[in-house]
Amino acid sequence: MAPKINLYSSLACEDYYSEKSGSGLPGPLPGGAYPIIEIGQPNPDCHLPEVAARMIKVDSRYKREHHN
């Protein structure tokens, strides 16, 4: 189960930071940089409530697309 959770978390996190970056907001790292998200791997910079909320959306979308 952990690999699937890491995948969902990575995708949700990448989406979250991509949206923030596109809005011109500074990132959480020094100098306003954004973290590099390794898809499918644990990403400490993704442990945010906003990312957790997006994980639910990613999980629901995946289940809809692959179990119908």
C-alpha atoms as a PDB file:
ATOM      1  CA  MET A   1       0.000   0.000   0.000  1.00  0.00           C
ATOM      2  CA  ALA A   2       2.857   2.437   0.735  1.00  0.00           C
ATOM      3  CA  PRO A   3       3.983   2.712  -2.915  1.00  0.00           C
ATOM      4  CA  LYS A   4       0.451   3.709  -3.949  1.00  0.00           C
ATOM      5  CA  ILE A   5       0.263   6.280  -1.139  1.00  0.00           C
ATOM      6  CA  ASN A   6       3.635   7.709  -2.192  1.00  0.00           C
ATOM      7  CA  LEU A   7       2.424   7.897  -5.777  1.00  0.00           C
ATOM      8  CA  TYR A   8      -0.804   9.711  -4.826  1.00  0.00           C
ATOM      9  CA  SER A   9       1.093  12.015  -2.491  1.00  0.00           C
ATOM     10  CA  SER A  10       3.703  12.817  -5.144  1.00  0.00           C
ATOM     11  CA  LEU A  11       1.106  13.576  -7.804  1.00  0.00           C
ATOM     12  CA  ALA A  12      -0.966  15.709  -5.449  1.00  0.00           C
ATOM     13  CA  CYS A  13       2.140  17.515  -4.210  1.00  0.00           C
ATOM     14  CA  GLU A  14       3.431  18.182  -7.703  1.00  0.00           C
ATOM     15  CA  ASP A  15       0.014  19.591  -8.636  1.00  0.00           C
ATOM     16  CA  TYR A  16      -0.066  21.764  -5.497  1.00  0.00           C
ATOM     17  CA  TYR A  17       3.392  23.269  -6.027  1.00  0.00           C
ATOM     18  CA  SER A  18       2.815  23.667  -9.765  1.00  0.00           C
ATOM     19  CA  GLU A  19      -0.317  25.682  -9.077  1.00  0.00           C
ATOM     20  CA  LYS A  20       1.465  27.867  -6.506  1.00  0.00           C
ATOM     21  CA  SER A  21       4.401  28.413  -8.843  1.00  0.00           C
ATOM     22  CA  GLY A  22       2.083  29.342 -11.709  1.00  0.00           C
ATOM     23  CA  SER A  23       0.463  31.939  -9.457  1.00  0.00           C
ATOM     24  CA  GLY A  24       3.827  33.623  -8.923  1.00  0.00           C
ATOM     25  CA  LEU A  25       3.957  32.760  -5.209  1.00  0.00           C
ATOM     26  CA  PRO A  26       7.376  32.065  -3.677  1.00  0.00           C
ATOM     27  CA  GLY A  27       8.187  28.496  -2.753  1.00  0.00           C
ATOM     28  CA  PRO A  28       8.866  27.204   0.763  1.00  0.00           C
ATOM     29  CA  LEU A  29      12.605  26.699   0.283  1.00  0.00           C
ATOM     30  CA  PRO A  30      15.320  29.335   0.763  1.00  0.00           C
ATOM     31  CA  GLY A  31      15.186  32.009  -1.908  1.00  0.00           C
ATOM     32  CA  GLY A  32      11.545  31.176  -2.678  1.00  0.00           C
ATOM     33  CA  ALA A  33      12.483  27.981  -4.523  1.00  0.00           C
ATOM     34  CA  TYR A  34      10.175  25.006  -4.895  1.00  0.00           C
ATOM     35  CA  PRO A  35      11.119  21.459  -3.897  1.00  0.00           C
ATOM     36  CA  ILE A  36      11.868  18.814  -6.501  1.00  0.00           C
ATOM     37  CA  ILE A  37       9.166  16.185  -6.200  1.00  0.00           C
ATOM     38  CA  GLU A  38      10.267  12.625  -6.878  1.00  0.00           C
ATOM     39  CA  ILE A  39       7.191  10.819  -8.198  1.00  0.00           C
ATOM     40  CA  GLY A  40       6.427   7.666  -6.218  1.00  0.00           C
ATOM     41  CA  GLN A  41       8.987   8.440  -3.502  1.00  0.00           C
ATOM     42  CA  PRO A  42       8.496   9.844   0.003  1.00  0.00           C
ATOM     43  CA  ASN A  43       8.731  13.643  -0.192  1.00  0.00           C
ATOM     44  CA  PRO A  44       9.031  15.418   3.182  1.00  0.00           C
ATOM     45  CA  ASP A  45       8.073  18.742   1.556  1.00  0.00           C
ATOM     46  CA  CYS A  46       4.667  17.254   0.723  1.00  0.00           C
ATOM     47  CA  HIS A  47       3.490  16.757   4.292  1.00  0.00           C
ATOM     48  CA  LEU A  48       0.979  19.599   4.150  1.00  0.00           C
ATOM     49  CA  PRO A  49      -2.786  19.670   4.796  1.00  0.00           C
ATOM     50  CA  GLU A  50      -3.322  21.136   1.319  1.00  0.00           C
ATOM     51  CA  VAL A  51      -1.530  18.191  -0.269  1.00  0.00           C
ATOM     52  CA  ALA A  52      -3.471  15.685   1.858  1.00  0.00           C
ATOM     53  CA  ALA A  53      -6.733  17.209   0.606  1.00  0.00           C
ATOM     54  CA  ARG A  54      -5.535  16.853  -2.991  1.00  0.00           C
ATOM     55  CA  MET A  55      -4.559  13.221  -2.363  1.00  0.00           C
ATOM     56  CA  ILE A  56      -8.211  12.424  -1.766  1.00  0.00           C
ATOM     57  CA  LYS A  57      -9.078  13.897  -5.170  1.00  0.00           C
ATOM     58  CA  VAL A  58      -6.272  11.962  -6.897  1.00  0.00           C
ATOM     59  CA  ASP A  59      -7.394   8.722  -5.220  1.00  0.00           C
ATOM     60  CA  SER A  60     -11.049   9.221  -6.233  1.00  0.00           C
ATOM     61  CA  ARG A  61     -10.111  10.089  -9.815  1.00  0.00           C
ATOM     62  CA  TYR A  62      -7.872   7.008 -10.056  1.00  0.00           C
ATOM     63  CA  LYS A  63     -10.591   4.718  -8.708  1.00  0.00           C
ATOM     64  CA  ARG A  64     -13.156   6.174 -11.121  1.00  0.00           C
ATOM     65  CA  GLU A  65     -10.871   5.752 -14.126  1.00  0.00           C
ATOM     66  CA  HIS A  66      -9.590   2.250 -13.326  1.00  0.00           C
ATOM     67  CA  HIS A  67     -12.479   0.452 -11.686  1.00  0.00           C
ATOM     68  CA  ASN A  68     -15.394   1.168 -14.010  1.00  0.00           C
END
